[in-house]
Amino acid sequence: MSTKIEDLSRMQIAGFLPEAIRTALNSYQHFSSKTVSDEEKEFKDHHNACKVAISHIDLLLKLARWADLPDGDLADKNHQKVLVAAIEEAEIELKGYEEQEA
């Protein structure tokens, strides 16, 4: 892959990543806070869905690391600040989930 294509890919990822992370976090937080009955299937399904959401957040963070983001050299500094905040929030949420599961 040429450097030009890699740079374009990084810019595209940097463009959508903050919103993707925020959407995934909001969805996870909303869904995980729902009250679930003690009925075994509903309980299991709810927890499996939460694990899927956490995996999605984890993959978005891996994508950010792969793309070496945030990148201070990209032109839009405000967008980079938003990306940093989204990544930090996702890392905190992921760590909290992992501590709960341990």
PDB file of N, CA and C in Angstrom:
ATOM      1  N   MET A   1       0.861  -1.173   0.000  1.00  0.00           N
ATOM      2  CA  MET A   1       0.000   0.000   0.000  1.00  0.00           C
ATOM      3  C   MET A   1       0.904   1.232   0.000  1.00  0.00           C
ATOM      4  N   SER A   2       0.586   2.156  -0.831  1.00  0.00           N
ATOM      5  CA  SER A   2       1.415   3.352  -0.920  1.00  0.00           C
ATOM      6  C   SER A   2       1.157   4.276   0.258  1.00  0.00           C
ATOM      7  N   THR A   3       2.108   5.135   0.510  1.00  0.00           N
ATOM      8  CA  THR A   3       1.993   6.091   1.609  1.00  0.00           C
ATOM      9  C   THR A   3       0.774   6.994   1.410  1.00  0.00           C
ATOM     10  N   LYS A   4       0.514   7.365   0.175  1.00  0.00           N
ATOM     11  CA  LYS A   4      -0.616   8.242  -0.107  1.00  0.00           C
ATOM     12  C   LYS A   4      -1.940   7.575   0.300  1.00  0.00           C
ATOM     13  N   ILE A   5      -2.086   6.299  -0.021  1.00  0.00           N
ATOM     14  CA  ILE A   5      -3.304   5.578   0.349  1.00  0.00           C
ATOM     15  C   ILE A   5      -3.385   5.437   1.864  1.00  0.00           C
ATOM     16  N   GLU A   6      -2.274   5.145   2.518  1.00  0.00           N
ATOM     17  CA  GLU A   6      -2.254   5.032   3.979  1.00  0.00           C
ATOM     18  C   GLU A   6      -2.645   6.348   4.627  1.00  0.00           C
ATOM     19  N   ASP A   7      -2.100   7.446   4.127  1.00  0.00           N
ATOM     20  CA  ASP A   7      -2.439   8.760   4.676  1.00  0.00           C
ATOM     21  C   ASP A   7      -3.916   9.075   4.487  1.00  0.00           C
ATOM     22  N   LEU A   8      -4.444   8.753   3.318  1.00  0.00           N
ATOM     23  CA  LEU A   8      -5.859   8.985   3.052  1.00  0.00           C
ATOM     24  C   LEU A   8      -6.712   8.125   3.984  1.00  0.00           C
ATOM     25  N   SER A   9      -6.328   6.874   4.172  1.00  0.00           N
ATOM     26  CA  SER A   9      -7.058   5.981   5.081  1.00  0.00           C
ATOM     27  C   SER A   9      -7.044   6.525   6.500  1.00  0.00           C
ATOM     28  N   ARG A  10      -5.900   6.978   6.962  1.00  0.00           N
ATOM     29  CA  ARG A  10      -5.788   7.541   8.311  1.00  0.00           C
ATOM     30  C   ARG A  10      -6.687   8.755   8.463  1.00  0.00           C
ATOM     31  N   MET A  11      -6.711   9.627   7.448  1.00  0.00           N
ATOM     32  CA  MET A  11      -7.553  10.823   7.518  1.00  0.00           C
ATOM     33  C   MET A  11      -9.031  10.445   7.565  1.00  0.00           C
ATOM     34  N   GLN A  12      -9.425   9.442   6.776  1.00  0.00           N
ATOM     35  CA  GLN A  12     -10.821   9.012   6.771  1.00  0.00           C
ATOM     36  C   GLN A  12     -11.194   8.400   8.119  1.00  0.00           C
ATOM     37  N   ILE A  13     -10.314   7.575   8.654  1.00  0.00           N
ATOM     38  CA  ILE A  13     -10.562   6.959   9.962  1.00  0.00           C
ATOM     39  C   ILE A  13     -10.654   8.037  11.036  1.00  0.00           C
ATOM     40  N   ALA A  14      -9.730   8.978  11.008  1.00  0.00           N
ATOM     41  CA  ALA A  14      -9.740  10.071  11.983  1.00  0.00           C
ATOM     42  C   ALA A  14     -11.034  10.877  11.877  1.00  0.00           C
ATOM     43  N   GLY A  15     -11.594  10.956  10.683  1.00  0.00           N
ATOM     44  CA  GLY A  15     -12.825  11.721  10.475  1.00  0.00           C
ATOM     45  C   GLY A  15     -14.046  11.092  11.114  1.00  0.00           C
ATOM     46  N   PHE A  16     -14.172   9.779  11.021  1.00  0.00           N
ATOM     47  CA  PHE A  16     -15.384   9.148  11.542  1.00  0.00           C
ATOM     48  C   PHE A  16     -15.218   8.533  12.924  1.00  0.00           C
ATOM     49  N   LEU A  17     -13.996   8.338  13.376  1.00  0.00           N
ATOM     50  CA  LEU A  17     -13.761   7.602  14.610  1.00  0.00           C
ATOM     51  C   LEU A  17     -14.367   8.237  15.862  1.00  0.00           C
ATOM     52  N   PRO A  18     -14.246   9.542  16.086  1.00  0.00           N
ATOM     53  CA  PRO A  18     -14.836  10.100  17.312  1.00  0.00           C
ATOM     54  C   PRO A  18     -16.340   9.818  17.420  1.00  0.00           C
ATOM     55  N   GLU A  19     -17.064  10.006  16.331  1.00  0.00           N
ATOM     56  CA  GLU A  19     -18.511   9.767  16.357  1.00  0.00           C
ATOM     57  C   GLU A  19     -18.809   8.280  16.513  1.00  0.00           C
ATOM     58  N   ALA A  20     -18.017   7.428  15.875  1.00  0.00           N
ATOM     59  CA  ALA A  20     -18.228   5.983  15.997  1.00  0.00           C
ATOM     60  C   ALA A  20     -18.015   5.531  17.445  1.00  0.00           C
ATOM     61  N   ILE A  21     -16.968   6.047  18.082  1.00  0.00           N
ATOM     62  CA  ILE A  21     -16.692   5.689  19.478  1.00  0.00           C
ATOM     63  C   ILE A  21     -17.808   6.205  20.377  1.00  0.00           C
ATOM     64  N   ARG A  22     -18.187   7.450  20.183  1.00  0.00           N
ATOM     65  CA  ARG A  22     -19.235   8.041  21.019  1.00  0.00           C
ATOM     66  C   ARG A  22     -20.560   7.285  20.854  1.00  0.00           C
ATOM     67  N   THR A  23     -20.913   6.933  19.636  1.00  0.00           N
ATOM     68  CA  THR A  23     -22.141   6.181  19.384  1.00  0.00           C
ATOM     69  C   THR A  23     -22.094   4.817  20.060  1.00  0.00           C
ATOM     70  N   ALA A  24     -20.969   4.130  19.924  1.00  0.00           N
ATOM     71  CA  ALA A  24     -20.824   2.807  20.548  1.00  0.00           C
ATOM     72  C   ALA A  24     -20.913   2.913  22.072  1.00  0.00           C
ATOM     73  N   LEU A  25     -20.259   3.914  22.643  1.00  0.00           N
ATOM     74  CA  LEU A  25     -20.310   4.102  24.095  1.00  0.00           C
ATOM     75  C   LEU A  25     -21.724   4.428  24.571  1.00  0.00           C
ATOM     76  N   ASN A  26     -22.390   5.343  23.886  1.00  0.00           N
ATOM     77  CA  ASN A  26     -23.754   5.710  24.276  1.00  0.00           C
ATOM     78  C   ASN A  26     -24.693   4.508  24.187  1.00  0.00           C
ATOM     79  N   SER A  27     -24.560   3.745  23.126  1.00  0.00           N
ATOM     80  CA  SER A  27     -25.400   2.555  22.965  1.00  0.00           C
ATOM     81  C   SER A  27     -25.135   1.556  24.077  1.00  0.00           C
ATOM     82  N   TYR A  28     -23.862   1.321  24.361  1.00  0.00           N
ATOM     83  CA  TYR A  28     -23.506   0.370  25.418  1.00  0.00           C
ATOM     84  C   TYR A  28     -24.042   0.844  26.769  1.00  0.00           C
ATOM     85  N   GLN A  29     -23.812   2.106  27.088  1.00  0.00           N
ATOM     86  CA  GLN A  29     -24.236   2.621  28.383  1.00  0.00           C
ATOM     87  C   GLN A  29     -25.752   2.572  28.527  1.00  0.00           C
ATOM     88  N   HIS A  30     -26.468   2.922  27.470  1.00  0.00           N
ATOM     89  CA  HIS A  30     -27.930   2.885  27.513  1.00  0.00           C
ATOM     90  C   HIS A  30     -28.429   1.448  27.669  1.00  0.00           C
ATOM     91  N   PHE A  31     -27.907   0.547  26.859  1.00  0.00           N
ATOM     92  CA  PHE A  31     -28.377  -0.833  26.881  1.00  0.00           C
ATOM     93  C   PHE A  31     -27.997  -1.537  28.173  1.00  0.00           C
ATOM     94  N   SER A  32     -26.768  -1.330  28.639  1.00  0.00           N
ATOM     95  CA  SER A  32     -26.309  -2.061  29.826  1.00  0.00           C
ATOM     96  C   SER A  32     -27.020  -1.600  31.098  1.00  0.00           C
ATOM     97  N   SER A  33     -27.591  -0.401  31.079  1.00  0.00           N
ATOM     98  CA  SER A  33     -28.269   0.103  32.273  1.00  0.00           C
ATOM     99  C   SER A  33     -29.726  -0.362  32.371  1.00  0.00           C
ATOM    100  N   LYS A  34     -30.207  -1.050  31.348  1.00  0.00           N
ATOM    101  CA  LYS A  34     -31.583  -1.539  31.377  1.00  0.00           C
ATOM    102  C   LYS A  34     -31.743  -2.595  32.459  1.00  0.00           C
ATOM    103  N   THR A  35     -32.895  -2.599  33.074  1.00  0.00           N
ATOM    104  CA  THR A  35     -33.212  -3.615  34.066  1.00  0.00           C
ATOM    105  C   THR A  35     -33.544  -4.914  33.352  1.00  0.00           C
ATOM    106  N   VAL A  36     -32.935  -5.984  33.838  1.00  0.00           N
ATOM    107  CA  VAL A  36     -33.125  -7.295  33.228  1.00  0.00           C
ATOM    108  C   VAL A  36     -33.750  -8.217  34.262  1.00  0.00           C
ATOM    109  N   SER A  37     -34.702  -9.021  33.819  1.00  0.00           N
ATOM    110  CA  SER A  37     -35.338  -9.955  34.748  1.00  0.00           C
ATOM    111  C   SER A  37     -34.351 -11.065  35.133  1.00  0.00           C
ATOM    112  N   ASP A  38     -34.725 -11.822  36.122  1.00  0.00           N
ATOM    113  CA  ASP A  38     -33.898 -12.945  36.565  1.00  0.00           C
ATOM    114  C   ASP A  38     -34.077 -14.165  35.670  1.00  0.00           C
ATOM    115  N   GLU A  39     -34.953 -14.052  34.690  1.00  0.00           N
ATOM    116  CA  GLU A  39     -35.177 -15.169  33.783  1.00  0.00           C
ATOM    117  C   GLU A  39     -33.866 -15.453  33.045  1.00  0.00           C
ATOM    118  N   GLU A  40     -33.440 -16.697  33.088  1.00  0.00           N
ATOM    119  CA  GLU A  40     -32.104 -17.083  32.631  1.00  0.00           C
ATOM    120  C   GLU A  40     -31.805 -16.652  31.196  1.00  0.00           C
ATOM    121  N   LYS A  41     -32.704 -16.895  30.268  1.00  0.00           N
ATOM    122  CA  LYS A  41     -32.441 -16.560  28.870  1.00  0.00           C
ATOM    123  C   LYS A  41     -32.290 -15.057  28.675  1.00  0.00           C
ATOM    124  N   GLU A  42     -33.200 -14.278  29.263  1.00  0.00           N
ATOM    125  CA  GLU A  42     -33.118 -12.819  29.114  1.00  0.00           C
ATOM    126  C   GLU A  42     -31.825 -12.288  29.729  1.00  0.00           C
ATOM    127  N   PHE A  43     -31.473 -12.812  30.896  1.00  0.00           N
ATOM    128  CA  PHE A  43     -30.237 -12.402  31.572  1.00  0.00           C
ATOM    129  C   PHE A  43     -29.016 -12.715  30.700  1.00  0.00           C
ATOM    130  N   LYS A  44     -28.971 -13.934  30.196  1.00  0.00           N
ATOM    131  CA  LYS A  44     -27.840 -14.360  29.355  1.00  0.00           C
ATOM    132  C   LYS A  44     -27.766 -13.526  28.077  1.00  0.00           C
ATOM    133  N   ASP A  45     -28.896 -13.335  27.421  1.00  0.00           N
ATOM    134  CA  ASP A  45     -28.927 -12.550  26.183  1.00  0.00           C
ATOM    135  C   ASP A  45     -28.461 -11.115  26.426  1.00  0.00           C
ATOM    136  N   HIS A  46     -28.885 -10.546  27.535  1.00  0.00           N
ATOM    137  CA  HIS A  46     -28.492  -9.170  27.857  1.00  0.00           C
ATOM    138  C   HIS A  46     -26.983  -9.079  28.053  1.00  0.00           C
ATOM    139  N   HIS A  47     -26.430  -9.996  28.808  1.00  0.00           N
ATOM    140  CA  HIS A  47     -24.988  -9.956  29.054  1.00  0.00           C
ATOM    141  C   HIS A  47     -24.179 -10.263  27.797  1.00  0.00           C
ATOM    142  N   ASN A  48     -24.670 -11.142  26.966  1.00  0.00           N
ATOM    143  CA  ASN A  48     -23.988 -11.416  25.696  1.00  0.00           C
ATOM    144  C   ASN A  48     -24.005 -10.177  24.798  1.00  0.00           C
ATOM    145  N   ALA A  49     -25.118  -9.480  24.780  1.00  0.00           N
ATOM    146  CA  ALA A  49     -25.210  -8.258  23.985  1.00  0.00           C
ATOM    147  C   ALA A  49     -24.244  -7.197  24.513  1.00  0.00           C
ATOM    148  N   CYS A  50     -24.106  -7.096  25.831  1.00  0.00           N
ATOM    149  CA  CYS A  50     -23.156  -6.148  26.419  1.00  0.00           C
ATOM    150  C   CYS A  50     -21.724  -6.507  26.008  1.00  0.00           C
ATOM    151  N   LYS A  51     -21.408  -7.786  26.003  1.00  0.00           N
ATOM    152  CA  LYS A  51     -20.065  -8.227  25.595  1.00  0.00           C
ATOM    153  C   LYS A  51     -19.796  -7.876  24.137  1.00  0.00           C
ATOM    154  N   VAL A  52     -20.797  -8.023  23.294  1.00  0.00           N
ATOM    155  CA  VAL A  52     -20.645  -7.659  21.879  1.00  0.00           C
ATOM    156  C   VAL A  52     -20.370  -6.157  21.758  1.00  0.00           C
ATOM    157  N   ALA A  53     -21.094  -5.345  22.509  1.00  0.00           N
ATOM    158  CA  ALA A  53     -20.888  -3.893  22.462  1.00  0.00           C
ATOM    159  C   ALA A  53     -19.478  -3.534  22.936  1.00  0.00           C
ATOM    160  N   ILE A  54     -19.021  -4.178  23.995  1.00  0.00           N
ATOM    161  CA  ILE A  54     -17.669  -3.920  24.496  1.00  0.00           C
ATOM    162  C   ILE A  54     -16.629  -4.334  23.455  1.00  0.00           C
ATOM    163  N   SER A  55     -16.868  -5.453  22.787  1.00  0.00           N
ATOM    164  CA  SER A  55     -15.947  -5.893  21.733  1.00  0.00           C
ATOM    165  C   SER A  55     -15.892  -4.865  20.603  1.00  0.00           C
ATOM    166  N   HIS A  56     -17.035  -4.278  20.275  1.00  0.00           N
ATOM    167  CA  HIS A  56     -17.086  -3.244  19.240  1.00  0.00           C
ATOM    168  C   HIS A  56     -16.247  -2.030  19.654  1.00  0.00           C
ATOM    169  N   ILE A  57     -16.397  -1.607  20.888  1.00  0.00           N
ATOM    170  CA  ILE A  57     -15.612  -0.475  21.400  1.00  0.00           C
ATOM    171  C   ILE A  57     -14.126  -0.815  21.361  1.00  0.00           C
ATOM    172  N   ASP A  58     -13.776  -2.022  21.780  1.00  0.00           N
ATOM    173  CA  ASP A  58     -12.383  -2.468  21.760  1.00  0.00           C
ATOM    174  C   ASP A  58     -11.822  -2.448  20.339  1.00  0.00           C
ATOM    175  N   LEU A  59     -12.597  -2.900  19.368  1.00  0.00           N
ATOM    176  CA  LEU A  59     -12.137  -2.879  17.973  1.00  0.00           C
ATOM    177  C   LEU A  59     -11.938  -1.457  17.457  1.00  0.00           C
ATOM    178  N   LEU A  60     -12.803  -0.538  17.862  1.00  0.00           N
ATOM    179  CA  LEU A  60     -12.613   0.864  17.464  1.00  0.00           C
ATOM    180  C   LEU A  60     -11.315   1.427  18.040  1.00  0.00           C
ATOM    181  N   LEU A  61     -10.997   1.054  19.284  1.00  0.00           N
ATOM    182  CA  LEU A  61      -9.736   1.497  19.885  1.00  0.00           C
ATOM    183  C   LEU A  61      -8.549   0.876  19.166  1.00  0.00           C
ATOM    184  N   LYS A  62      -8.659  -0.375  18.778  1.00  0.00           N
ATOM    185  CA  LYS A  62      -7.584  -1.027  18.018  1.00  0.00           C
ATOM    186  C   LYS A  62      -7.403  -0.353  16.665  1.00  0.00           C
ATOM    187  N   LEU A  63      -8.498   0.042  16.042  1.00  0.00           N
ATOM    188  CA  LEU A  63      -8.425   0.772  14.777  1.00  0.00           C
ATOM    189  C   LEU A  63      -7.690   2.092  14.964  1.00  0.00           C
ATOM    190  N   ALA A  64      -7.974   2.778  16.059  1.00  0.00           N
ATOM    191  CA  ALA A  64      -7.282   4.039  16.349  1.00  0.00           C
ATOM    192  C   ALA A  64      -5.782   3.803  16.510  1.00  0.00           C
ATOM    193  N   ARG A  65      -5.420   2.735  17.225  1.00  0.00           N
ATOM    194  CA  ARG A  65      -3.992   2.432  17.403  1.00  0.00           C
ATOM    195  C   ARG A  65      -3.346   2.043  16.073  1.00  0.00           C
ATOM    196  N   TRP A  66      -4.053   1.249  15.263  1.00  0.00           N
ATOM    197  CA  TRP A  66      -3.521   0.847  13.969  1.00  0.00           C
ATOM    198  C   TRP A  66      -3.244   2.071  13.099  1.00  0.00           C
ATOM    199  N   ALA A  67      -4.164   3.011  13.143  1.00  0.00           N
ATOM    200  CA  ALA A  67      -4.034   4.221  12.329  1.00  0.00           C
ATOM    201  C   ALA A  67      -3.136   5.262  12.991  1.00  0.00           C
ATOM    202  N   ASP A  68      -2.577   4.901  14.161  1.00  0.00           N
ATOM    203  CA  ASP A  68      -1.686   5.794  14.901  1.00  0.00           C
ATOM    204  C   ASP A  68      -2.375   7.127  15.188  1.00  0.00           C
ATOM    205  N   LEU A  69      -3.586   7.032  15.715  1.00  0.00           N
ATOM    206  CA  LEU A  69      -4.376   8.214  16.035  1.00  0.00           C
ATOM    207  C   LEU A  69      -4.510   8.355  17.537  1.00  0.00           C
ATOM    208  N   PRO A  70      -4.649   9.518  18.037  1.00  0.00           N
ATOM    209  CA  PRO A  70      -4.720  10.795  17.332  1.00  0.00           C
ATOM    210  C   PRO A  70      -3.352  11.212  16.806  1.00  0.00           C
ATOM    211  N   ASP A  71      -3.380  12.067  15.814  1.00  0.00           N
ATOM    212  CA  ASP A  71      -2.167  12.513  15.130  1.00  0.00           C
ATOM    213  C   ASP A  71      -2.107  14.034  15.181  1.00  0.00           C
ATOM    214  N   GLY A  72      -1.171  14.549  15.933  1.00  0.00           N
ATOM    215  CA  GLY A  72      -1.018  15.997  16.069  1.00  0.00           C
ATOM    216  C   GLY A  72      -0.667  16.702  14.778  1.00  0.00           C
ATOM    217  N   ASP A  73      -0.215  15.939  13.772  1.00  0.00           N
ATOM    218  CA  ASP A  73       0.148  16.550  12.491  1.00  0.00           C
ATOM    219  C   ASP A  73      -1.051  16.787  11.576  1.00  0.00           C
ATOM    220  N   LEU A  74      -2.199  16.187  11.906  1.00  0.00           N
ATOM    221  CA  LEU A  74      -3.376  16.426  11.081  1.00  0.00           C
ATOM    222  C   LEU A  74      -3.866  17.855  11.305  1.00  0.00           C
ATOM    223  N   ALA A  75      -4.420  18.425  10.279  1.00  0.00           N
ATOM    224  CA  ALA A  75      -4.737  19.856  10.271  1.00  0.00           C
ATOM    225  C   ALA A  75      -5.766  20.283  11.316  1.00  0.00           C
ATOM    226  N   ASP A  76      -6.802  19.526  11.503  1.00  0.00           N
ATOM    227  CA  ASP A  76      -7.902  19.950  12.365  1.00  0.00           C
ATOM    228  C   ASP A  76      -7.603  19.613  13.829  1.00  0.00           C
ATOM    229  N   LYS A  77      -7.024  20.557  14.548  1.00  0.00           N
ATOM    230  CA  LYS A  77      -6.615  20.334  15.947  1.00  0.00           C
ATOM    231  C   LYS A  77      -7.823  20.110  16.861  1.00  0.00           C
ATOM    232  N   ASN A  78      -8.932  20.811  16.618  1.00  0.00           N
ATOM    233  CA  ASN A  78     -10.127  20.608  17.435  1.00  0.00           C
ATOM    234  C   ASN A  78     -10.661  19.192  17.276  1.00  0.00           C
ATOM    235  N   HIS A  79     -10.651  18.716  16.045  1.00  0.00           N
ATOM    236  CA  HIS A  79     -11.108  17.348  15.788  1.00  0.00           C
ATOM    237  C   HIS A  79     -10.199  16.357  16.509  1.00  0.00           C
ATOM    238  N   GLN A  80      -8.918  16.628  16.548  1.00  0.00           N
ATOM    239  CA  GLN A  80      -7.978  15.743  17.239  1.00  0.00           C
ATOM    240  C   GLN A  80      -8.264  15.729  18.744  1.00  0.00           C
ATOM    241  N   LYS A  81      -8.642  16.887  19.300  1.00  0.00           N
ATOM    242  CA  LYS A  81      -8.992  16.949  20.725  1.00  0.00           C
ATOM    243  C   LYS A  81     -10.239  16.114  21.008  1.00  0.00           C
ATOM    244  N   VAL A  82     -11.201  16.181  20.120  1.00  0.00           N
ATOM    245  CA  VAL A  82     -12.422  15.386  20.269  1.00  0.00           C
ATOM    246  C   VAL A  82     -12.079  13.903  20.195  1.00  0.00           C
ATOM    247  N   LEU A  83     -11.194  13.552  19.283  1.00  0.00           N
ATOM    248  CA  LEU A  83     -10.775  12.163  19.138  1.00  0.00           C
ATOM    249  C   LEU A  83     -10.063  11.681  20.397  1.00  0.00           C
ATOM    250  N   VAL A  84      -9.171  12.488  20.941  1.00  0.00           N
ATOM    251  CA  VAL A  84      -8.469  12.127  22.179  1.00  0.00           C
ATOM    252  C   VAL A  84      -9.473  11.888  23.299  1.00  0.00           C
ATOM    253  N   ALA A  85     -10.436  12.779  23.441  1.00  0.00           N
ATOM    254  CA  ALA A  85     -11.446  12.640  24.501  1.00  0.00           C
ATOM    255  C   ALA A  85     -12.270  11.363  24.305  1.00  0.00           C
ATOM    256  N   ALA A  86     -12.655  11.070  23.071  1.00  0.00           N
ATOM    257  CA  ALA A  86     -13.447   9.867  22.797  1.00  0.00           C
ATOM    258  C   ALA A  86     -12.647   8.610  23.101  1.00  0.00           C
ATOM    259  N   ILE A  87     -11.381   8.593  22.715  1.00  0.00           N
ATOM    260  CA  ILE A  87     -10.524   7.437  22.983  1.00  0.00           C
ATOM    261  C   ILE A  87     -10.344   7.247  24.480  1.00  0.00           C
ATOM    262  N   GLU A  88     -10.091   8.326  25.191  1.00  0.00           N
ATOM    263  CA  GLU A  88      -9.915   8.227  26.644  1.00  0.00           C
ATOM    264  C   GLU A  88     -11.175   7.706  27.321  1.00  0.00           C
ATOM    265  N   GLU A  89     -12.334   8.212  26.913  1.00  0.00           N
ATOM    266  CA  GLU A  89     -13.592   7.757  27.498  1.00  0.00           C
ATOM    267  C   GLU A  89     -13.815   6.270  27.214  1.00  0.00           C
ATOM    268  N   ALA A  90     -13.529   5.851  25.995  1.00  0.00           N
ATOM    269  CA  ALA A  90     -13.701   4.440  25.631  1.00  0.00           C
ATOM    270  C   ALA A  90     -12.747   3.550  26.415  1.00  0.00           C
ATOM    271  N   GLU A  91     -11.512   4.001  26.596  1.00  0.00           N
ATOM    272  CA  GLU A  91     -10.541   3.208  27.361  1.00  0.00           C
ATOM    273  C   GLU A  91     -10.978   3.060  28.817  1.00  0.00           C
ATOM    274  N   ILE A  92     -11.518   4.117  29.394  1.00  0.00           N
ATOM    275  CA  ILE A  92     -12.009   4.068  30.777  1.00  0.00           C
ATOM    276  C   ILE A  92     -13.183   3.096  30.879  1.00  0.00           C
ATOM    277  N   GLU A  93     -14.107   3.184  29.941  1.00  0.00           N
ATOM    278  CA  GLU A  93     -15.278   2.288  29.944  1.00  0.00           C
ATOM    279  C   GLU A  93     -14.836   0.839  29.787  1.00  0.00           C
ATOM    280  N   LEU A  94     -13.906   0.595  28.890  1.00  0.00           N
ATOM    281  CA  LEU A  94     -13.404  -0.753  28.648  1.00  0.00           C
ATOM    282  C   LEU A  94     -12.697  -1.297  29.878  1.00  0.00           C
ATOM    283  N   LYS A  95     -11.888  -0.473  30.519  1.00  0.00           N
ATOM    284  CA  LYS A  95     -11.194  -0.902  31.713  1.00  0.00           C
ATOM    285  C   LYS A  95     -12.181  -1.235  32.832  1.00  0.00           C
ATOM    286  N   GLY A  96     -13.198  -0.383  33.002  1.00  0.00           N
ATOM    287  CA  GLY A  96     -14.218  -0.635  34.008  1.00  0.00           C
ATOM    288  C   GLY A  96     -14.945  -1.945  33.771  1.00  0.00           C
ATOM    289  N   TYR A  97     -15.257  -2.221  32.512  1.00  0.00           N
ATOM    290  CA  TYR A  97     -15.930  -3.470  32.171  1.00  0.00           C
ATOM    291  C   TYR A  97     -15.038  -4.669  32.481  1.00  0.00           C
ATOM    292  N   GLU A  98     -13.761  -4.559  32.105  1.00  0.00           N
ATOM    293  CA  GLU A  98     -12.838  -5.665  32.339  1.00  0.00           C
ATOM    294  C   GLU A  98     -12.646  -5.924  33.842  1.00  0.00           C
ATOM    295  N   GLU A  99     -12.637  -4.861  34.644  1.00  0.00           N
ATOM    296  CA  GLU A  99     -12.512  -5.022  36.086  1.00  0.00           C
ATOM    297  C   GLU A  99     -13.752  -5.687  36.677  1.00  0.00           C
ATOM    298  N   GLN A 100     -14.916  -5.373  36.149  1.00  0.00           N
ATOM    299  CA  GLN A 100     -16.161  -5.991  36.595  1.00  0.00           C
ATOM    300  C   GLN A 100     -16.171  -7.485  36.288  1.00  0.00           C
ATOM    301  N   GLU A 101     -15.649  -7.828  35.131  1.00  0.00           N
ATOM    302  CA  GLU A 101     -15.664  -9.224  34.690  1.00  0.00           C
ATOM    303  C   GLU A 101     -14.605 -10.077  35.370  1.00  0.00           C
ATOM    304  N   ALA A 102     -13.604  -9.435  35.973  1.00  0.00           N
ATOM    305  CA  ALA A 102     -12.505 -10.185  36.599  1.00  0.00           C
ATOM    306  C   ALA A 102     -12.891 -10.798  37.918  1.00  0.00           C
TER     307      ALA A 102
END
